[in-house]
């Protein structure tokens, strides 16, 4: 904060001194012009004086802000809360925040500087309005004087007696009647003179005020840039830069960053879920194949059981048949043996 706002105040006072000298040299014609319409010209000069005082006051407001910032820069400590700055309220809030680390993010820097710039621009709105007001009052007086002139000329023309043969009387009547149109022209030109001259002077003073505020803001930005970190290796650095480029507020940018992280995490979870679903699908396919194999085994077992039962029936039938054959053979053999015994018995008795 090397530039002192007093430099611009000195320029303003030198310029006003030059204007005062020119006005003193033209005091007589200016006084005559002022008397063309003292009421309207008085309003214009009153607005002009208020504009000068307001611009000087706005320039003086920069001095305590600069002194406070120099004190903070030199001592590294904040003043008591009752001495907090007005234009640098966002800077005070940033420095007073105990959660702030030694570095300031680019997004926070943008938010702080935007707050200061808004307050500085707000301080110039009234001065700009006063410049426009002076132009408006000058144009208002111009049209007012022209209306008076047109009406007075109409009255003069209608009051001339064209049937009179006294030329001197008619010229005297015309000379008397032209006093009102000349008064209207004096109102028109005098109000334009004071209004445009006042707006020109206030425009130069507002230019000096703008330069003082611009230099103050630029030096503040240079000082705060020492705390800013524009490059960050964290994953959210791109999101922060995008949020800074889009002009969002810090809270909105943080919400966007959190949302982007949530979306990224959700995408990772979705990919893992797709992998698990794919694995589950493969497991279900294997299980389905195993169930199909088990179904075929059960069918084979049923067919084998049926074959075994058929074989058992066949074996039972064969066994019964063999038993019947053996039984019949045994009965035949028994009959043969019995017959042979009977024959032998008969032979024994015959001997």
Protein backbone atom coordinates (compact mmCIF):
# COMPACT_ATOMS: atom_id res chain seq x y z
CA UNK A 1 0.00 0.00 0.00
CA UNK A 2 2.51 2.55 -1.18
CA UNK A 3 0.14 4.98 -2.90
CA UNK A 4 -1.40 7.59 -0.61
CA UNK A 5 -4.92 8.86 -1.52
CA UNK A 6 -3.76 12.36 -0.57
CA UNK A 7 -1.97 12.54 -3.90
CA UNK A 8 -5.32 12.48 -5.68
CA UNK A 9 -6.78 14.98 -3.21
CA UNK A 10 -3.97 17.38 -4.09
CA UNK A 11 -4.82 17.00 -7.77
CA UNK A 12 -8.47 17.70 -7.02
CA UNK A 13 -7.68 20.85 -5.03
CA UNK A 14 -5.29 22.11 -7.71
CA UNK A 15 -7.95 21.58 -10.36
CA UNK A 16 -10.61 23.30 -8.22
CA UNK A 17 -8.22 26.17 -7.59
CA UNK A 18 -7.77 26.60 -11.35
CA UNK A 19 -11.55 26.54 -11.83
CA UNK A 20 -11.95 29.14 -9.07
CA UNK A 21 -9.38 31.40 -10.72
CA UNK A 22 -11.17 31.15 -14.08
CA UNK A 23 -14.51 31.84 -12.38
CA UNK A 24 -13.04 34.90 -10.64
CA UNK A 25 -11.77 36.23 -13.95
CA UNK A 26 -15.20 35.73 -15.50
CA UNK A 27 -17.11 36.88 -12.44
CA UNK A 28 -19.11 39.60 -14.20
CA UNK A 29 -20.40 37.54 -17.16
CA UNK A 30 -21.02 34.58 -14.88
CA UNK A 31 -23.01 36.74 -12.51
CA UNK A 32 -25.05 38.04 -15.43
CA UNK A 33 -25.66 34.50 -16.64
CA UNK A 34 -26.61 33.40 -13.14
CA UNK A 35 -29.26 36.13 -12.90
CA UNK A 36 -30.91 34.73 -16.05
CA UNK A 37 -32.73 32.25 -13.77
CA UNK A 38 -31.40 32.44 -10.20
CA UNK A 39 -33.66 29.65 -8.90
CA UNK A 40 -32.66 26.99 -11.43
CA UNK A 41 -29.03 28.07 -11.55
CA UNK A 42 -28.92 28.04 -7.76
CA UNK A 43 -30.16 24.44 -7.76
CA UNK A 44 -27.47 23.51 -10.29
CA UNK A 45 -24.72 25.16 -8.23
CA UNK A 46 -26.06 23.51 -5.05
CA UNK A 47 -25.94 20.07 -6.69
CA UNK A 48 -22.45 20.91 -7.96
CA UNK A 49 -21.24 21.78 -4.45
CA UNK A 50 -22.78 18.61 -2.97
CA UNK A 51 -21.07 16.52 -5.64
CA UNK A 52 -17.67 18.09 -4.85
CA UNK A 53 -18.05 17.45 -1.12
CA UNK A 54 -19.18 13.87 -1.68
CA UNK A 55 -16.25 13.02 -3.98
CA UNK A 56 -13.78 14.53 -1.51
CA UNK A 57 -15.41 12.56 1.31
CA UNK A 58 -15.18 9.29 -0.65
CA UNK A 59 -11.50 9.96 -1.29
CA UNK A 60 -10.90 10.66 2.39
CA UNK A 61 -12.59 7.35 3.29
CA UNK A 62 -9.70 5.51 1.65
CA UNK A 63 -7.15 6.91 4.12
CA UNK A 64 -8.29 5.05 7.28
CA UNK A 65 -8.71 1.87 5.25
CA UNK A 66 -5.15 2.23 3.96
CA UNK A 67 -3.81 2.97 7.44
CA UNK A 68 -5.58 -0.09 8.87
CA UNK A 69 -4.17 -2.32 6.16
CA UNK A 70 -0.66 -0.92 6.68
CA UNK A 71 -0.98 -1.63 10.41
CA UNK A 72 -2.07 -5.21 9.76
CA UNK A 73 0.72 -5.67 7.23
CA UNK A 74 3.40 -4.34 9.58
CA UNK A 75 2.25 -5.85 12.89
CA UNK A 76 0.42 -8.94 11.69
CA UNK A 77 -2.35 -8.33 14.27
CA UNK A 78 -5.94 -7.17 13.91
CA UNK A 79 -7.31 -4.12 15.66
CA UNK A 80 -10.12 -4.46 18.21
CA UNK A 81 -13.55 -5.21 16.68
CA UNK A 82 -14.77 -1.64 17.24
CA UNK A 83 -12.08 -0.39 14.83
CA UNK A 84 -12.84 -2.78 12.03
CA UNK A 85 -12.78 -1.30 8.48
CA UNK A 86 -15.83 -0.66 6.31
CA UNK A 87 -14.60 -1.00 2.74
CA UNK A 88 -12.32 -3.89 3.72
CA UNK A 89 -14.92 -5.75 5.75
CA UNK A 90 -14.44 -8.95 3.73
CA UNK A 91 -10.66 -8.77 4.26
CA UNK A 92 -11.22 -8.32 8.00
CA UNK A 93 -13.58 -11.31 8.06
CA UNK A 94 -11.05 -13.42 6.18
CA UNK A 95 -8.17 -12.46 8.49
CA UNK A 96 -10.31 -12.84 11.62
CA UNK A 97 -11.40 -16.35 10.64
CA UNK A 98 -9.45 -18.66 12.93
CA UNK A 99 -10.02 -21.56 10.57
CA UNK A 100 -7.96 -19.89 7.82
CA UNK A 101 -4.55 -21.39 7.21
CA UNK A 102 -1.46 -19.57 6.08
CA UNK A 103 -2.56 -19.83 2.44
CA UNK A 104 -5.66 -18.53 0.75
CA UNK A 105 -7.36 -20.44 -2.02
CA UNK A 106 -7.89 -18.75 -5.35
CA UNK A 107 -11.64 -19.06 -4.87
CA UNK A 108 -11.51 -17.33 -1.47
CA UNK A 109 -9.31 -14.59 -2.92
CA UNK A 110 -11.86 -14.02 -5.68
CA UNK A 111 -14.67 -13.79 -3.15
CA UNK A 112 -12.77 -11.32 -0.93
CA UNK A 113 -11.76 -9.09 -3.84
CA UNK A 114 -15.28 -9.13 -5.26
CA UNK A 115 -16.62 -7.89 -1.92
CA UNK A 116 -14.11 -5.03 -1.80
CA UNK A 117 -14.76 -4.10 -5.46
CA UNK A 118 -18.52 -4.04 -4.83
CA UNK A 119 -18.10 -1.62 -1.93
CA UNK A 120 -15.77 0.63 -3.91
CA UNK A 121 -18.16 0.74 -6.87
CA UNK A 122 -21.05 1.48 -4.54
CA UNK A 123 -19.16 4.52 -3.26
CA UNK A 124 -18.99 5.99 -6.78
CA UNK A 125 -22.63 5.53 -7.69
CA UNK A 126 -23.77 8.83 -6.11
CA UNK A 127 -20.96 10.81 -7.75
CA UNK A 128 -21.92 9.39 -11.15
CA UNK A 129 -25.53 10.24 -10.44
CA UNK A 130 -24.59 13.82 -9.55
CA UNK A 131 -22.77 14.18 -12.89
CA UNK A 132 -25.84 12.98 -14.75
CA UNK A 133 -28.05 15.20 -12.58
CA UNK A 134 -26.11 18.32 -13.57
CA UNK A 135 -26.46 17.45 -17.26
CA UNK A 136 -30.16 16.83 -16.76
CA UNK A 137 -30.70 20.14 -14.95
CA UNK A 138 -28.83 21.98 -17.72
CA UNK A 139 -31.01 20.37 -20.39
CA UNK A 140 -34.11 21.01 -18.28
CA UNK A 141 -33.24 24.72 -18.10
CA UNK A 142 -32.56 24.74 -21.84
CA UNK A 143 -35.97 23.37 -22.75
CA UNK A 144 -37.65 25.52 -20.13
CA UNK A 145 -36.02 28.65 -21.57
CA UNK A 146 -36.92 27.61 -25.13
CA UNK A 147 -40.55 27.13 -24.12
CA UNK A 148 -40.54 30.58 -22.53
CA UNK A 149 -38.95 32.03 -25.65
CA UNK A 150 -41.47 30.44 -28.01
CA UNK A 151 -44.40 31.55 -25.89
CA UNK A 152 -43.03 35.09 -25.57
CA UNK A 153 -42.35 35.37 -29.29
CA UNK A 154 -45.90 34.27 -29.99
CA UNK A 155 -47.23 36.91 -27.61
CA UNK A 156 -45.04 39.58 -29.20
CA UNK A 157 -46.15 38.72 -32.71
CA UNK A 158 -49.80 38.67 -31.72
CA UNK A 159 -49.53 42.00 -29.88
CA UNK A 160 -48.06 43.97 -32.82
CA UNK A 161 -50.62 46.25 -34.43
CA UNK A 162 -49.99 45.99 -38.16
CA UNK A 163 -52.71 48.58 -38.96
CA UNK A 164 -50.90 51.33 -37.07
CA UNK A 165 -49.10 53.97 -39.14
CA UNK A 166 -46.82 55.01 -36.25
CA UNK A 167 -43.64 53.10 -36.98
CA UNK A 168 -41.79 54.39 -33.94
CA UNK A 169 -44.56 53.24 -31.60
CA UNK A 170 -44.65 49.82 -33.24
CA UNK A 171 -40.85 49.45 -32.89
CA UNK A 172 -41.04 50.47 -29.23
CA UNK A 173 -43.78 47.93 -28.65
CA UNK A 174 -41.66 45.30 -30.38
CA UNK A 175 -38.61 46.22 -28.29
CA UNK A 176 -40.60 45.93 -25.08
CA UNK A 177 -42.09 42.61 -26.17
CA UNK A 178 -38.68 41.10 -26.94
CA UNK A 179 -37.63 41.35 -23.28
CA UNK A 180 -39.52 38.14 -22.41
CA UNK A 181 -38.01 36.01 -25.25
CA UNK A 182 -34.55 37.27 -24.35
CA UNK A 183 -35.18 36.31 -20.73
CA UNK A 184 -36.15 32.80 -21.86
CA UNK A 185 -32.98 32.54 -23.95
CA UNK A 186 -30.93 33.67 -20.96
CA UNK A 187 -32.51 30.89 -18.88
CA UNK A 188 -31.79 28.32 -21.59
CA UNK A 189 -28.16 29.22 -22.18
CA UNK A 190 -27.23 29.99 -18.58
CA UNK A 191 -28.62 26.68 -17.25
CA UNK A 192 -26.81 24.78 -20.01
CA UNK A 193 -23.61 26.66 -19.22
CA UNK A 194 -23.67 25.93 -15.49
CA UNK A 195 -24.96 22.37 -15.89
CA UNK A 196 -22.41 21.25 -18.48
CA UNK A 197 -19.53 23.07 -16.79
CA UNK A 198 -20.46 21.54 -13.43
CA UNK A 199 -20.70 18.03 -14.93
CA UNK A 200 -17.30 18.52 -16.60
CA UNK A 201 -15.70 19.51 -13.29
CA UNK A 202 -17.36 16.68 -11.36
CA UNK A 203 -16.32 14.28 -14.11
CA UNK A 204 -12.66 15.14 -13.57
CA UNK A 205 -13.02 14.81 -9.80
CA UNK A 206 -14.79 11.44 -10.23
CA UNK A 207 -11.95 10.36 -12.52
CA UNK A 208 -9.45 11.11 -9.77
CA UNK A 209 -11.61 9.23 -7.28
CA UNK A 210 -11.75 6.25 -9.64
CA UNK A 211 -7.97 6.29 -10.04
CA UNK A 212 -7.50 6.43 -6.27
CA UNK A 213 -9.89 3.52 -5.73
CA UNK A 214 -8.36 1.57 -8.61
CA UNK A 215 -4.83 1.99 -7.28
CA UNK A 216 -6.02 1.07 -3.78
CA UNK A 217 -7.74 -2.06 -5.10
CA UNK A 218 -4.77 -3.12 -7.25
CA UNK A 219 -2.33 -2.82 -4.37
CA UNK A 220 -4.72 -4.74 -2.11
CA UNK A 221 -4.95 -7.47 -4.74
CA UNK A 222 -1.17 -7.64 -5.02
CA UNK A 223 -0.87 -7.97 -1.24
CA UNK A 224 -3.52 -10.67 -0.98
CA UNK A 225 -2.04 -12.59 -3.90
CA UNK A 226 0.90 -13.46 -1.66
CA UNK A 227 -1.48 -15.64 0.38
CA UNK A 228 -3.19 -17.28 -2.57
CA UNK A 229 -2.43 -20.72 -3.94
CA UNK A 230 -3.49 -20.95 -7.53
CA UNK A 231 -2.00 -24.41 -8.15
CA UNK A 232 -2.95 -27.33 -5.98
CA UNK A 233 -2.02 -30.96 -6.32
CA UNK A 234 -5.22 -32.19 -4.71
CA UNK A 235 -7.83 -33.90 -6.91
CA UNK A 236 -10.23 -31.03 -6.37
CA UNK A 237 -7.93 -28.39 -7.89
CA UNK A 238 -9.51 -28.66 -11.35
CA UNK A 239 -12.97 -28.33 -9.87
CA UNK A 240 -11.86 -25.27 -7.88
CA UNK A 241 -10.41 -23.61 -10.97
CA UNK A 242 -13.56 -24.37 -12.96
CA UNK A 243 -15.70 -22.92 -10.17
CA UNK A 244 -13.46 -19.84 -10.05
CA UNK A 245 -13.72 -19.42 -13.84
CA UNK A 246 -17.53 -19.62 -13.75
CA UNK A 247 -17.73 -16.86 -11.16
CA UNK A 248 -19.51 -18.93 -8.45
CA UNK A 249 -19.57 -18.09 -4.79
CA UNK A 250 -17.29 -20.09 -2.49
CA UNK A 251 -20.10 -22.04 -0.88
CA UNK A 252 -21.59 -22.92 -4.27
CA UNK A 253 -18.17 -23.97 -5.56
CA UNK A 254 -17.61 -26.18 -2.52
CA UNK A 255 -21.01 -27.77 -3.10
CA UNK A 256 -20.11 -28.39 -6.75
CA UNK A 257 -16.77 -29.93 -5.71
CA UNK A 258 -18.47 -32.19 -3.16
CA UNK A 259 -21.06 -33.16 -5.75
CA UNK A 260 -18.35 -34.01 -8.30
CA UNK A 261 -16.54 -36.13 -5.72
CA UNK A 262 -19.78 -37.90 -4.85
CA UNK A 263 -20.44 -38.56 -8.54
CA UNK A 264 -16.89 -39.90 -8.95
CA UNK A 265 -17.26 -42.16 -5.92
CA UNK A 266 -20.65 -43.32 -7.21
CA UNK A 267 -19.08 -44.14 -10.58
CA UNK A 268 -16.38 -46.22 -8.88
CA UNK A 269 -19.01 -48.01 -6.80
CA UNK A 270 -21.03 -48.65 -9.95
CA UNK A 271 -18.03 -50.20 -11.69
CA UNK A 272 -17.34 -52.45 -8.69
CA UNK A 273 -21.01 -53.40 -8.59
CA UNK A 274 -20.92 -54.29 -12.30
CA UNK A 275 -17.88 -56.52 -11.69
CA UNK A 276 -19.65 -58.24 -8.79
CA UNK A 277 -22.80 -58.70 -10.89
CA UNK A 278 -20.69 -60.22 -13.68
CA UNK A 279 -19.08 -62.62 -11.22
CA UNK A 280 -22.47 -63.52 -9.78
CA UNK A 281 -23.78 -64.16 -13.29
CA UNK A 282 -20.90 -66.58 -13.95
CA UNK A 283 -21.55 -68.34 -10.65
CA UNK A 284 -25.25 -68.65 -11.49
CA UNK A 285 -24.34 -70.12 -14.91
CA UNK A 286 -22.03 -72.67 -13.29
CA UNK A 287 -24.71 -73.54 -10.75
CA UNK A 288 -27.25 -73.93 -13.52
CA UNK A 289 -24.90 -76.28 -15.36
CA UNK A 290 -24.34 -78.22 -12.15
CA UNK A 291 -28.09 -78.48 -11.64
CA UNK A 292 -28.47 -79.70 -15.23
CA UNK A 293 -25.75 -82.32 -14.64
CA UNK A 294 -27.45 -83.35 -11.42
CA UNK A 295 -30.74 -83.72 -13.28
CA UNK A 296 -29.07 -85.93 -15.88
CA UNK A 297 -27.47 -88.03 -13.11
CA UNK A 298 -30.82 -88.47 -11.42
CA UNK A 299 -32.33 -89.56 -14.75
CA UNK A 300 -29.48 -92.04 -15.30
CA UNK A 301 -29.90 -93.37 -11.78
CA UNK A 302 -33.62 -93.81 -12.36
CA UNK A 303 -32.92 -95.65 -15.63
CA UNK A 304 -30.30 -97.80 -13.88
CA UNK A 305 -32.73 -98.54 -11.07
CA UNK A 306 -35.34 -99.57 -13.63
CA UNK A 307 -32.79 -101.78 -15.38
CA UNK A 308 -31.78 -103.35 -12.07
CA UNK A 309 -35.41 -104.07 -11.20
CA UNK A 310 -35.95 -105.61 -14.66
CA UNK A 311 -32.81 -107.68 -14.20
CA UNK A 312 -34.05 -108.75 -10.79
CA UNK A 313 -37.34 -109.82 -12.30
CA UNK A 314 -35.57 -111.67 -15.05
CA UNK A 315 -33.29 -113.38 -12.53
CA UNK A 316 -36.29 -114.28 -10.38
CA UNK A 317 -38.08 -115.75 -13.40
CA UNK A 318 -34.98 -117.67 -14.50
CA UNK A 319 -34.49 -118.94 -10.97
CA UNK A 320 -38.10 -120.11 -10.75
CA UNK A 321 -37.76 -121.79 -14.14
CA UNK A 322 -34.52 -123.50 -13.12
CA UNK A 323 -36.13 -124.54 -9.86
CA UNK A 324 -39.07 -126.07 -11.71
CA UNK A 325 -36.71 -127.87 -14.09
CA UNK A 326 -34.58 -129.22 -11.21
CA UNK A 327 -37.72 -130.19 -9.35
CA UNK A 328 -39.07 -132.01 -12.38
CA UNK A 329 -35.72 -133.70 -12.95
CA UNK A 330 -35.57 -134.68 -9.32
CA UNK A 331 -39.10 -136.06 -9.52
CA UNK A 332 -38.15 -137.95 -12.66
CA UNK A 333 -35.00 -139.24 -11.00
CA UNK A 334 -36.94 -140.18 -7.90
CA UNK A 335 -39.44 -142.06 -10.01
CA UNK A 336 -36.65 -143.85 -11.84
CA UNK A 337 -34.95 -144.81 -8.59
CA UNK A 338 -38.25 -145.98 -7.15
CA UNK A 339 -38.87 -148.08 -10.26
CA UNK A 340 -35.43 -149.60 -10.13
CA UNK A 341 -35.86 -150.47 -6.46
CA UNK A 342 -39.19 -152.02 -7.24
CA UNK A 343 -37.69 -154.10 -10.02
CA UNK A 344 -34.86 -155.27 -7.83
CA UNK A 345 -37.32 -156.15 -5.11
CA UNK A 346 -39.36 -158.20 -7.49
CA UNK A 347 -36.30 -160.00 -8.75
CA UNK A 348 -35.22 -160.84 -5.24
CA UNK A 349 -38.60 -162.34 -4.47
CA UNK A 350 -38.54 -164.38 -7.70
CA UNK A 351 -35.35 -166.09 -6.93
